[in-house]
Amino acid sequence: MVGSAAERGNRWARGPVRDVRAGRLLVDDNTALWRVATDRDSDGAVLDRSTAAVELLNALPVNHRCAGEWMTIALMCHAVRFLTGTIDYEVPAQDLTCGCRGCRRSCTATS
């Protein structure tokens, strides 16, 4: 395929818009496809197919995943298991009093 993913998507989306307008593809009038295929601009003219195609793609949910996302998630899970299940921590006593003036009387964050 030639062109960027966006160009290929726009080229693809022009087809259903064309088919709805020509009556070859029947869809409910409460769908995004019907809406963009029949939408009109501020002058009352039907949107050109390219604009309608972009609007159709904009209505689709974004299911994009980064190529390395699965690896990042796996590494994060491994790191969390290691940090919480393998390493022993000794934490000294902490002074958790709140240092702001306005809440000294009502602050529940004091030890």
PDB file of N, CA and C in Angstrom:
ATOM      1  N   MET A   1       0.835  -1.192   0.000  1.00  0.00           N
ATOM      2  CA  MET A   1       0.000   0.000   0.000  1.00  0.00           C
ATOM      3  C   MET A   1       0.873   1.246   0.000  1.00  0.00           C
ATOM      4  N   VAL A   2       0.429   2.220  -0.729  1.00  0.00           N
ATOM      5  CA  VAL A   2       1.175   3.461  -0.824  1.00  0.00           C
ATOM      6  C   VAL A   2       0.483   4.519   0.018  1.00  0.00           C
ATOM      7  N   GLY A   3       1.294   5.344   0.672  1.00  0.00           N
ATOM      8  CA  GLY A   3       0.754   6.441   1.461  1.00  0.00           C
ATOM      9  C   GLY A   3       0.765   6.127   2.939  1.00  0.00           C
ATOM     10  N   SER A   4       0.566   7.170   3.718  1.00  0.00           N
ATOM     11  CA  SER A   4       0.554   7.011   5.171  1.00  0.00           C
ATOM     12  C   SER A   4      -0.728   6.319   5.608  1.00  0.00           C
ATOM     13  N   ALA A   5      -0.724   5.891   6.857  1.00  0.00           N
ATOM     14  CA  ALA A   5      -1.921   5.247   7.406  1.00  0.00           C
ATOM     15  C   ALA A   5      -3.115   6.196   7.346  1.00  0.00           C
ATOM     16  N   ALA A   6      -2.870   7.465   7.614  1.00  0.00           N
ATOM     17  CA  ALA A   6      -3.966   8.444   7.569  1.00  0.00           C
ATOM     18  C   ALA A   6      -4.523   8.569   6.154  1.00  0.00           C
ATOM     19  N   GLU A   7      -3.632   8.610   5.160  1.00  0.00           N
ATOM     20  CA  GLU A   7      -4.091   8.707   3.776  1.00  0.00           C
ATOM     21  C   GLU A   7      -4.878   7.463   3.369  1.00  0.00           C
ATOM     22  N   ARG A   8      -4.398   6.292   3.769  1.00  0.00           N
ATOM     23  CA  ARG A   8      -5.111   5.055   3.451  1.00  0.00           C
ATOM     24  C   ARG A   8      -6.472   5.026   4.142  1.00  0.00           C
ATOM     25  N   GLY A   9      -6.521   5.481   5.403  1.00  0.00           N
ATOM     26  CA  GLY A   9      -7.793   5.528   6.116  1.00  0.00           C
ATOM     27  C   GLY A   9      -8.776   6.470   5.459  1.00  0.00           C
ATOM     28  N   ASN A  10      -8.300   7.641   5.039  1.00  0.00           N
ATOM     29  CA  ASN A  10      -9.171   8.610   4.362  1.00  0.00           C
ATOM     30  C   ASN A  10      -9.680   8.049   3.040  1.00  0.00           C
ATOM     31  N   ARG A  11      -8.794   7.388   2.311  1.00  0.00           N
ATOM     32  CA  ARG A  11      -9.201   6.784   1.036  1.00  0.00           C
ATOM     33  C   ARG A  11     -10.273   5.716   1.274  1.00  0.00           C
ATOM     34  N   TRP A  12     -10.064   4.886   2.294  1.00  0.00           N
ATOM     35  CA  TRP A  12     -11.048   3.843   2.608  1.00  0.00           C
ATOM     36  C   TRP A  12     -12.394   4.452   3.000  1.00  0.00           C
ATOM     37  N   ALA A  13     -12.372   5.472   3.876  1.00  0.00           N
ATOM     38  CA  ALA A  13     -13.617   6.037   4.413  1.00  0.00           C
ATOM     39  C   ALA A  13     -14.442   6.749   3.350  1.00  0.00           C
ATOM     40  N   ARG A  14     -13.812   7.198   2.277  1.00  0.00           N
ATOM     41  CA  ARG A  14     -14.595   7.829   1.204  1.00  0.00           C
ATOM     42  C   ARG A  14     -15.549   6.838   0.547  1.00  0.00           C
ATOM     43  N   GLY A  15     -15.191   5.550   0.546  1.00  0.00           N
ATOM     44  CA  GLY A  15     -16.037   4.530  -0.083  1.00  0.00           C
ATOM     45  C   GLY A  15     -17.395   4.389   0.573  1.00  0.00           C
ATOM     46  N   PRO A  16     -17.461   4.136   1.888  1.00  0.00           N
ATOM     47  CA  PRO A  16     -18.778   4.035   2.527  1.00  0.00           C
ATOM     48  C   PRO A  16     -19.602   5.315   2.418  1.00  0.00           C
ATOM     49  N   VAL A  17     -18.936   6.471   2.473  1.00  0.00           N
ATOM     50  CA  VAL A  17     -19.662   7.739   2.324  1.00  0.00           C
ATOM     51  C   VAL A  17     -20.305   7.778   0.942  1.00  0.00           C
ATOM     52  N   ARG A  18     -19.529   7.436  -0.084  1.00  0.00           N
ATOM     53  CA  ARG A  18     -20.039   7.403  -1.466  1.00  0.00           C
ATOM     54  C   ARG A  18     -21.204   6.428  -1.585  1.00  0.00           C
ATOM     55  N   ASP A  19     -21.044   5.237  -0.977  1.00  0.00           N
ATOM     56  CA  ASP A  19     -22.082   4.202  -1.097  1.00  0.00           C
ATOM     57  C   ASP A  19     -23.376   4.587  -0.389  1.00  0.00           C
ATOM     58  N   VAL A  20     -23.284   5.237   0.753  1.00  0.00           N
ATOM     59  CA  VAL A  20     -24.496   5.699   1.450  1.00  0.00           C
ATOM     60  C   VAL A  20     -25.189   6.759   0.607  1.00  0.00           C
ATOM     61  N   ARG A  21     -24.426   7.682   0.073  1.00  0.00           N
ATOM     62  CA  ARG A  21     -25.021   8.749  -0.737  1.00  0.00           C
ATOM     63  C   ARG A  21     -25.673   8.207  -2.000  1.00  0.00           C
ATOM     64  N   ALA A  22     -25.100   7.139  -2.554  1.00  0.00           N
ATOM     65  CA  ALA A  22     -25.645   6.557  -3.788  1.00  0.00           C
ATOM     66  C   ALA A  22     -26.790   5.587  -3.513  1.00  0.00           C
ATOM     67  N   GLY A  23     -27.047   5.282  -2.229  1.00  0.00           N
ATOM     68  CA  GLY A  23     -28.112   4.356  -1.882  1.00  0.00           C
ATOM     69  C   GLY A  23     -27.698   2.896  -1.973  1.00  0.00           C
ATOM     70  N   ARG A  24     -26.416   2.621  -2.225  1.00  0.00           N
ATOM     71  CA  ARG A  24     -25.936   1.233  -2.308  1.00  0.00           C
ATOM     72  C   ARG A  24     -25.697   0.625  -0.933  1.00  0.00           C
ATOM     73  N   LEU A  25     -25.537   1.465   0.065  1.00  0.00           N
ATOM     74  CA  LEU A  25     -25.306   1.006   1.436  1.00  0.00           C
ATOM     75  C   LEU A  25     -26.348   1.659   2.323  1.00  0.00           C
ATOM     76  N   LEU A  26     -27.223   0.839   2.898  1.00  0.00           N
ATOM     77  CA  LEU A  26     -28.281   1.359   3.754  1.00  0.00           C
ATOM     78  C   LEU A  26     -27.855   1.236   5.211  1.00  0.00           C
ATOM     79  N   VAL A  27     -27.886   2.355   5.926  1.00  0.00           N
ATOM     80  CA  VAL A  27     -27.523   2.360   7.338  1.00  0.00           C
ATOM     81  C   VAL A  27     -28.577   3.145   8.111  1.00  0.00           C
ATOM     82  N   ASP A  28     -28.681   2.870   9.404  1.00  0.00           N
ATOM     83  CA  ASP A  28     -29.618   3.611  10.251  1.00  0.00           C
ATOM     84  C   ASP A  28     -29.226   5.080  10.291  1.00  0.00           C
ATOM     85  N   ASP A  29     -30.237   5.931  10.443  1.00  0.00           N
ATOM     86  CA  ASP A  29     -29.945   7.355  10.452  1.00  0.00           C
ATOM     87  C   ASP A  29     -29.363   7.851  11.778  1.00  0.00           C
ATOM     88  N   ASN A  30     -29.141   6.947  12.721  1.00  0.00           N
ATOM     89  CA  ASN A  30     -28.508   7.359  13.979  1.00  0.00           C
ATOM     90  C   ASN A  30     -27.046   6.901  14.043  1.00  0.00           C
ATOM     91  N   THR A  31     -26.478   6.519  12.889  1.00  0.00           N
ATOM     92  CA  THR A  31     -25.080   6.094  12.860  1.00  0.00           C
ATOM     93  C   THR A  31     -24.176   7.234  12.422  1.00  0.00           C
ATOM     94  N   ALA A  32     -22.909   7.127  12.797  1.00  0.00           N
ATOM     95  CA  ALA A  32     -21.924   8.148  12.407  1.00  0.00           C
ATOM     96  C   ALA A  32     -21.790   8.205  10.886  1.00  0.00           C
ATOM     97  N   LEU A  33     -21.841   7.053  10.242  1.00  0.00           N
ATOM     98  CA  LEU A  33     -21.704   7.024   8.782  1.00  0.00           C
ATOM     99  C   LEU A  33     -22.832   7.792   8.111  1.00  0.00           C
ATOM    100  N   TRP A  34     -24.071   7.523   8.513  1.00  0.00           N
ATOM    101  CA  TRP A  34     -25.199   8.250   7.920  1.00  0.00           C
ATOM    102  C   TRP A  34     -25.078   9.744   8.189  1.00  0.00           C
ATOM    103  N   ARG A  35     -24.678  10.070   9.416  1.00  0.00           N
ATOM    104  CA  ARG A  35     -24.585  11.482   9.806  1.00  0.00           C
ATOM    105  C   ARG A  35     -23.590  12.248   8.950  1.00  0.00           C
ATOM    106  N   VAL A  36     -22.374  11.683   8.769  1.00  0.00           N
ATOM    107  CA  VAL A  36     -21.381  12.414   7.977  1.00  0.00           C
ATOM    108  C   VAL A  36     -21.707  12.357   6.486  1.00  0.00           C
ATOM    109  N   ALA A  37     -22.326  11.285   6.036  1.00  0.00           N
ATOM    110  CA  ALA A  37     -22.672  11.180   4.615  1.00  0.00           C
ATOM    111  C   ALA A  37     -23.746  12.189   4.224  1.00  0.00           C
ATOM    112  N   THR A  38     -24.587  12.572   5.174  1.00  0.00           N
ATOM    113  CA  THR A  38     -25.684  13.500   4.864  1.00  0.00           C
ATOM    114  C   THR A  38     -25.487  14.887   5.461  1.00  0.00           C
ATOM    115  N   ASP A  39     -24.380  15.079   6.168  1.00  0.00           N
ATOM    116  CA  ASP A  39     -24.138  16.371   6.825  1.00  0.00           C
ATOM    117  C   ASP A  39     -23.899  17.464   5.789  1.00  0.00           C
ATOM    118  N   ARG A  40     -24.200  18.679   6.193  1.00  0.00           N
ATOM    119  CA  ARG A  40     -24.051  19.822   5.291  1.00  0.00           C
ATOM    120  C   ARG A  40     -23.177  20.883   5.937  1.00  0.00           C
ATOM    121  N   ASP A  41     -22.534  21.665   5.088  1.00  0.00           N
ATOM    122  CA  ASP A  41     -21.679  22.735   5.595  1.00  0.00           C
ATOM    123  C   ASP A  41     -22.524  23.965   5.924  1.00  0.00           C
ATOM    124  N   SER A  42     -21.868  25.051   6.299  1.00  0.00           N
ATOM    125  CA  SER A  42     -22.602  26.249   6.733  1.00  0.00           C
ATOM    126  C   SER A  42     -23.408  26.887   5.605  1.00  0.00           C
ATOM    127  N   ASP A  43     -23.077  26.562   4.350  1.00  0.00           N
ATOM    128  CA  ASP A  43     -23.837  27.085   3.213  1.00  0.00           C
ATOM    129  C   ASP A  43     -24.971  26.158   2.797  1.00  0.00           C
ATOM    130  N   GLY A  44     -25.105  25.023   3.480  1.00  0.00           N
ATOM    131  CA  GLY A  44     -26.168  24.080   3.164  1.00  0.00           C
ATOM    132  C   GLY A  44     -25.787  23.023   2.146  1.00  0.00           C
ATOM    133  N   ALA A  45     -24.555  23.059   1.674  1.00  0.00           N
ATOM    134  CA  ALA A  45     -24.105  22.062   0.696  1.00  0.00           C
ATOM    135  C   ALA A  45     -23.645  20.799   1.418  1.00  0.00           C
ATOM    136  N   VAL A  46     -23.898  19.647   0.802  1.00  0.00           N
ATOM    137  CA  VAL A  46     -23.421  18.382   1.358  1.00  0.00           C
ATOM    138  C   VAL A  46     -21.898  18.437   1.413  1.00  0.00           C
ATOM    139  N   LEU A  47     -21.330  17.935   2.515  1.00  0.00           N
ATOM    140  CA  LEU A  47     -19.870  17.928   2.649  1.00  0.00           C
ATOM    141  C   LEU A  47     -19.236  17.150   1.503  1.00  0.00           C
ATOM    142  N   ASP A  48     -18.090  17.625   1.019  1.00  0.00           N
ATOM    143  CA  ASP A  48     -17.410  16.850  -0.014  1.00  0.00           C
ATOM    144  C   ASP A  48     -16.963  15.517   0.594  1.00  0.00           C
ATOM    145  N   ARG A  49     -16.748  14.524  -0.259  1.00  0.00           N
ATOM    146  CA  ARG A  49     -16.450  13.180   0.242  1.00  0.00           C
ATOM    147  C   ARG A  49     -15.208  13.125   1.110  1.00  0.00           C
ATOM    148  N   SER A  50     -14.177  13.897   0.764  1.00  0.00           N
ATOM    149  CA  SER A  50     -12.943  13.872   1.557  1.00  0.00           C
ATOM    150  C   SER A  50     -13.183  14.398   2.966  1.00  0.00           C
ATOM    151  N   THR A  51     -13.916  15.489   3.073  1.00  0.00           N
ATOM    152  CA  THR A  51     -14.220  16.052   4.392  1.00  0.00           C
ATOM    153  C   THR A  51     -15.096  15.093   5.189  1.00  0.00           C
ATOM    154  N   ALA A  52     -16.092  14.514   4.535  1.00  0.00           N
ATOM    155  CA  ALA A  52     -16.968  13.555   5.214  1.00  0.00           C
ATOM    156  C   ALA A  52     -16.169  12.340   5.683  1.00  0.00           C
ATOM    157  N   ALA A  53     -15.198  11.895   4.868  1.00  0.00           N
ATOM    158  CA  ALA A  53     -14.375  10.744   5.247  1.00  0.00           C
ATOM    159  C   ALA A  53     -13.556  11.054   6.496  1.00  0.00           C
ATOM    160  N   VAL A  54     -12.973  12.247   6.550  1.00  0.00           N
ATOM    161  CA  VAL A  54     -12.199  12.647   7.735  1.00  0.00           C
ATOM    162  C   VAL A  54     -13.106  12.709   8.954  1.00  0.00           C
ATOM    163  N   GLU A  55     -14.297  13.252   8.796  1.00  0.00           N
ATOM    164  CA  GLU A  55     -15.241  13.335   9.909  1.00  0.00           C
ATOM    165  C   GLU A  55     -15.655  11.947  10.383  1.00  0.00           C
ATOM    166  N   LEU A  56     -15.825  11.013   9.456  1.00  0.00           N
ATOM    167  CA  LEU A  56     -16.168   9.643   9.825  1.00  0.00           C
ATOM    168  C   LEU A  56     -15.044   9.027  10.656  1.00  0.00           C
ATOM    169  N   LEU A  57     -13.820   9.180  10.208  1.00  0.00           N
ATOM    170  CA  LEU A  57     -12.687   8.631  10.955  1.00  0.00           C
ATOM    171  C   LEU A  57     -12.545   9.300  12.323  1.00  0.00           C
ATOM    172  N   ASN A  58     -12.858  10.582  12.402  1.00  0.00           N
ATOM    173  CA  ASN A  58     -12.792  11.284  13.692  1.00  0.00           C
ATOM    174  C   ASN A  58     -13.822  10.752  14.678  1.00  0.00           C
ATOM    175  N   ALA A  59     -14.909  10.176  14.153  1.00  0.00           N
ATOM    176  CA  ALA A  59     -15.962   9.656  15.031  1.00  0.00           C
ATOM    177  C   ALA A  59     -15.618   8.273  15.581  1.00  0.00           C
ATOM    178  N   LEU A  60     -14.635   7.612  14.988  1.00  0.00           N
ATOM    179  CA  LEU A  60     -14.267   6.275  15.450  1.00  0.00           C
ATOM    180  C   LEU A  60     -13.454   6.352  16.732  1.00  0.00           C
ATOM    181  N   PRO A  61     -13.649   5.396  17.626  1.00  0.00           N
ATOM    182  CA  PRO A  61     -12.830   5.385  18.836  1.00  0.00           C
ATOM    183  C   PRO A  61     -11.387   5.078  18.479  1.00  0.00           C
ATOM    184  N   VAL A  62     -10.478   5.610  19.217  1.00  0.00           N
ATOM    185  CA  VAL A  62      -9.054   5.395  18.969  1.00  0.00           C
ATOM    186  C   VAL A  62      -8.620   4.118  19.673  1.00  0.00           C
ATOM    187  N   ASN A  63      -8.315   3.049  18.941  1.00  0.00           N
ATOM    188  CA  ASN A  63      -7.816   1.779  19.483  1.00  0.00           C
ATOM    189  C   ASN A  63      -6.320   1.620  19.278  1.00  0.00           C
ATOM    190  N   HIS A  64      -5.568   2.782  19.122  1.00  0.00           N
ATOM    191  CA  HIS A  64      -4.139   2.778  18.836  1.00  0.00           C
ATOM    192  C   HIS A  64      -3.361   2.186  20.003  1.00  0.00           C
ATOM    193  N   ARG A  65      -2.395   1.355  19.710  1.00  0.00           N
ATOM    194  CA  ARG A  65      -1.470   0.809  20.695  1.00  0.00           C
ATOM    195  C   ARG A  65      -0.068   1.026  20.171  1.00  0.00           C
ATOM    196  N   CYS A  66       0.827   1.489  21.018  1.00  0.00           N
ATOM    197  CA  CYS A  66       2.214   1.652  20.627  1.00  0.00           C
ATOM    198  C   CYS A  66       2.833   0.276  20.418  1.00  0.00           C
ATOM    199  N   ALA A  67       3.761   0.193  19.489  1.00  0.00           N
ATOM    200  CA  ALA A  67       4.380  -1.098  19.172  1.00  0.00           C
ATOM    201  C   ALA A  67       5.042  -1.729  20.391  1.00  0.00           C
ATOM    202  N   GLY A  68       5.625  -0.938  21.261  1.00  0.00           N
ATOM    203  CA  GLY A  68       6.310  -1.473  22.427  1.00  0.00           C
ATOM    204  C   GLY A  68       5.480  -1.466  23.694  1.00  0.00           C
ATOM    205  N   GLU A  69       4.181  -1.164  23.575  1.00  0.00           N
ATOM    206  CA  GLU A  69       3.349  -1.034  24.776  1.00  0.00           C
ATOM    207  C   GLU A  69       3.266  -2.343  25.552  1.00  0.00           C
ATOM    208  N   TRP A  70       3.088  -3.465  24.876  1.00  0.00           N
ATOM    209  CA  TRP A  70       2.984  -4.749  25.570  1.00  0.00           C
ATOM    210  C   TRP A  70       4.252  -5.056  26.347  1.00  0.00           C
ATOM    211  N   MET A  71       5.404  -4.691  25.767  1.00  0.00           N
ATOM    212  CA  MET A  71       6.673  -4.930  26.453  1.00  0.00           C
ATOM    213  C   MET A  71       6.791  -4.032  27.682  1.00  0.00           C
ATOM    214  N   THR A  72       6.371  -2.782  27.559  1.00  0.00           N
ATOM    215  CA  THR A  72       6.422  -1.858  28.686  1.00  0.00           C
ATOM    216  C   THR A  72       5.535  -2.354  29.824  1.00  0.00           C
ATOM    217  N   ILE A  73       4.336  -2.810  29.501  1.00  0.00           N
ATOM    218  CA  ILE A  73       3.421  -3.320  30.521  1.00  0.00           C
ATOM    219  C   ILE A  73       4.021  -4.544  31.210  1.00  0.00           C
ATOM    220  N   ALA A  74       4.600  -5.443  30.428  1.00  0.00           N
ATOM    221  CA  ALA A  74       5.209  -6.644  31.008  1.00  0.00           C
ATOM    222  C   ALA A  74       6.365  -6.283  31.929  1.00  0.00           C
ATOM    223  N   LEU A  75       7.200  -5.351  31.514  1.00  0.00           N
ATOM    224  CA  LEU A  75       8.328  -4.920  32.357  1.00  0.00           C
ATOM    225  C   LEU A  75       7.847  -4.241  33.633  1.00  0.00           C
ATOM    226  N   MET A  76       6.797  -3.419  33.529  1.00  0.00           N
ATOM    227  CA  MET A  76       6.259  -2.746  34.716  1.00  0.00           C
ATOM    228  C   MET A  76       5.694  -3.774  35.697  1.00  0.00           C
ATOM    229  N   CYS A  77       4.988  -4.771  35.196  1.00  0.00           N
ATOM    230  CA  CYS A  77       4.443  -5.812  36.079  1.00  0.00           C
ATOM    231  C   CYS A  77       5.571  -6.563  36.778  1.00  0.00           C
ATOM    232  N   HIS A  78       6.599  -6.888  36.042  1.00  0.00           N
ATOM    233  CA  HIS A  78       7.743  -7.594  36.619  1.00  0.00           C
ATOM    234  C   HIS A  78       8.416  -6.723  37.688  1.00  0.00           C
ATOM    235  N   ALA A  79       8.598  -5.436  37.382  1.00  0.00           N
ATOM    236  CA  ALA A  79       9.245  -4.531  38.333  1.00  0.00           C
ATOM    237  C   ALA A  79       8.420  -4.385  39.608  1.00  0.00           C
ATOM    238  N   VAL A  80       7.109  -4.268  39.487  1.00  0.00           N
ATOM    239  CA  VAL A  80       6.247  -4.126  40.662  1.00  0.00           C
ATOM    240  C   VAL A  80       6.312  -5.383  41.517  1.00  0.00           C
ATOM    241  N   ARG A  81       6.250  -6.560  40.873  1.00  0.00           N
ATOM    242  CA  ARG A  81       6.367  -7.815  41.634  1.00  0.00           C
ATOM    243  C   ARG A  81       7.707  -7.890  42.360  1.00  0.00           C
ATOM    244  N   PHE A  82       8.778  -7.496  41.696  1.00  0.00           N
ATOM    245  CA  PHE A  82      10.102  -7.526  42.302  1.00  0.00           C
ATOM    246  C   PHE A  82      10.189  -6.560  43.482  1.00  0.00           C
ATOM    247  N   LEU A  83       9.729  -5.326  43.276  1.00  0.00           N
ATOM    248  CA  LEU A  83       9.849  -4.297  44.315  1.00  0.00           C
ATOM    249  C   LEU A  83       8.947  -4.562  45.513  1.00  0.00           C
ATOM    250  N   THR A  84       7.816  -5.232  45.290  1.00  0.00           N
ATOM    251  CA  THR A  84       6.882  -5.466  46.399  1.00  0.00           C
ATOM    252  C   THR A  84       6.969  -6.857  46.987  1.00  0.00           C
ATOM    253  N   GLY A  85       7.566  -7.810  46.288  1.00  0.00           N
ATOM    254  CA  GLY A  85       7.575  -9.176  46.788  1.00  0.00           C
ATOM    255  C   GLY A  85       8.942  -9.765  47.065  1.00  0.00           C
ATOM    256  N   THR A  86       9.980  -9.127  46.579  1.00  0.00           N
ATOM    257  CA  THR A  86      11.311  -9.707  46.700  1.00  0.00           C
ATOM    258  C   THR A  86      12.199  -8.927  47.665  1.00  0.00           C
ATOM    259  N   ILE A  87      12.112  -7.634  47.623  1.00  0.00           N
ATOM    260  CA  ILE A  87      12.985  -6.787  48.433  1.00  0.00           C
ATOM    261  C   ILE A  87      12.341  -6.545  49.797  1.00  0.00           C
ATOM    262  N   ASP A  88      13.159  -6.647  50.844  1.00  0.00           N
ATOM    263  CA  ASP A  88      12.705  -6.302  52.198  1.00  0.00           C
ATOM    264  C   ASP A  88      13.133  -4.874  52.491  1.00  0.00           C
ATOM    265  N   TYR A  89      12.214  -4.113  53.034  1.00  0.00           N
ATOM    266  CA  TYR A  89      12.484  -2.716  53.351  1.00  0.00           C
ATOM    267  C   TYR A  89      12.429  -2.508  54.855  1.00  0.00           C
ATOM    268  N   GLU A  90      13.307  -1.672  55.366  1.00  0.00           N
ATOM    269  CA  GLU A  90      13.231  -1.207  56.745  1.00  0.00           C
ATOM    270  C   GLU A  90      13.065   0.298  56.685  1.00  0.00           C
ATOM    271  N   VAL A  91      11.918   0.734  57.122  1.00  0.00           N
ATOM    272  CA  VAL A  91      11.617   2.170  57.082  1.00  0.00           C
ATOM    273  C   VAL A  91      11.619   2.693  58.505  1.00  0.00           C
ATOM    274  N   PRO A  92      12.459   3.706  58.794  1.00  0.00           N
ATOM    275  CA  PRO A  92      12.483   4.251  60.148  1.00  0.00           C
ATOM    276  C   PRO A  92      11.189   5.001  60.459  1.00  0.00           C
ATOM    277  N   ALA A  93      10.950   5.219  61.715  1.00  0.00           N
ATOM    278  CA  ALA A  93       9.770   5.981  62.139  1.00  0.00           C
ATOM    279  C   ALA A  93       9.783   7.340  61.444  1.00  0.00           C
ATOM    280  N   GLN A  94       8.609   7.788  61.040  1.00  0.00           N
ATOM    281  CA  GLN A  94       8.491   9.039  60.295  1.00  0.00           C
ATOM    282  C   GLN A  94       7.667  10.052  61.080  1.00  0.00           C
ATOM    283  N   ASP A  95       8.037  11.324  60.943  1.00  0.00           N
ATOM    284  CA  ASP A  95       7.237  12.405  61.497  1.00  0.00           C
ATOM    285  C   ASP A  95       6.247  12.819  60.415  1.00  0.00           C
ATOM    286  N   LEU A  96       5.004  12.440  60.574  1.00  0.00           N
ATOM    287  CA  LEU A  96       3.990  12.701  59.555  1.00  0.00           C
ATOM    288  C   LEU A  96       3.088  13.886  59.897  1.00  0.00           C
ATOM    289  N   THR A  97       3.566  14.758  60.756  1.00  0.00           N
ATOM    290  CA  THR A  97       2.741  15.917  61.094  1.00  0.00           C
ATOM    291  C   THR A  97       2.638  16.827  59.885  1.00  0.00           C
ATOM    292  N   CYS A  98       1.531  17.497  59.821  1.00  0.00           N
ATOM    293  CA  CYS A  98       1.258  18.400  58.708  1.00  0.00           C
ATOM    294  C   CYS A  98       1.873  19.753  59.026  1.00  0.00           C
ATOM    295  N   GLY A  99       2.576  20.340  58.079  1.00  0.00           N
ATOM    296  CA  GLY A  99       3.266  21.596  58.333  1.00  0.00           C
ATOM    297  C   GLY A  99       2.505  22.841  57.938  1.00  0.00           C
ATOM    298  N   CYS A 100       1.316  22.726  57.424  1.00  0.00           N
ATOM    299  CA  CYS A 100       0.600  23.928  57.010  1.00  0.00           C
ATOM    300  C   CYS A 100      -0.150  24.529  58.201  1.00  0.00           C
ATOM    301  N   ARG A 101      -0.166  25.837  58.240  1.00  0.00           N
ATOM    302  CA  ARG A 101      -0.747  26.536  59.384  1.00  0.00           C
ATOM    303  C   ARG A 101      -2.256  26.383  59.485  1.00  0.00           C
ATOM    304  N   GLY A 102      -2.955  26.431  58.381  1.00  0.00           N
ATOM    305  CA  GLY A 102      -4.414  26.467  58.388  1.00  0.00           C
ATOM    306  C   GLY A 102      -5.098  25.208  58.871  1.00  0.00           C
ATOM    307  N   CYS A 103      -4.393  24.078  58.873  1.00  0.00           N
ATOM    308  CA  CYS A 103      -5.099  22.852  59.190  1.00  0.00           C
ATOM    309  C   CYS A 103      -4.573  22.167  60.457  1.00  0.00           C
ATOM    310  N   ARG A 104      -3.739  22.825  61.214  1.00  0.00           N
ATOM    311  CA  ARG A 104      -3.175  22.185  62.399  1.00  0.00           C
ATOM    312  C   ARG A 104      -4.254  21.645  63.337  1.00  0.00           C
ATOM    313  N   ARG A 105      -5.355  22.392  63.500  1.00  0.00           N
ATOM    314  CA  ARG A 105      -6.389  21.952  64.433  1.00  0.00           C
ATOM    315  C   ARG A 105      -7.232  20.815  63.867  1.00  0.00           C
ATOM    316  N   SER A 106      -7.488  20.834  62.553  1.00  0.00           N
ATOM    317  CA  SER A 106      -8.405  19.840  61.994  1.00  0.00           C
ATOM    318  C   SER A 106      -7.682  18.769  61.162  1.00  0.00           C
ATOM    319  N   CYS A 107      -6.375  18.847  61.055  1.00  0.00           N
ATOM    320  CA  CYS A 107      -5.645  17.900  60.200  1.00  0.00           C
ATOM    321  C   CYS A 107      -5.597  16.527  60.868  1.00  0.00           C
ATOM    322  N   THR A 108      -5.939  15.496  60.094  1.00  0.00           N
ATOM    323  CA  THR A 108      -5.902  14.130  60.622  1.00  0.00           C
ATOM    324  C   THR A 108      -4.643  13.403  60.160  1.00  0.00           C
ATOM    325  N   ALA A 109      -3.742  14.116  59.507  1.00  0.00           N
ATOM    326  CA  ALA A 109      -2.531  13.492  58.984  1.00  0.00           C
ATOM    327  C   ALA A 109      -1.385  13.527  59.984  1.00  0.00           C
ATOM    328  N   THR A 110      -1.653  13.810  61.229  1.00  0.00           N
ATOM    329  CA  THR A 110      -0.597  13.839  62.245  1.00  0.00           C
ATOM    330  C   THR A 110      -0.487  12.478  62.891  1.00  0.00           C
ATOM    331  N   SER A 111       0.727  12.146  63.321  1.00  0.00           N
ATOM    332  CA  SER A 111       0.912  10.844  63.961  1.00  0.00           C
ATOM    333  C   SER A 111       0.717  10.931  65.453  1.00  0.00           C
TER     334      SER A 111
END
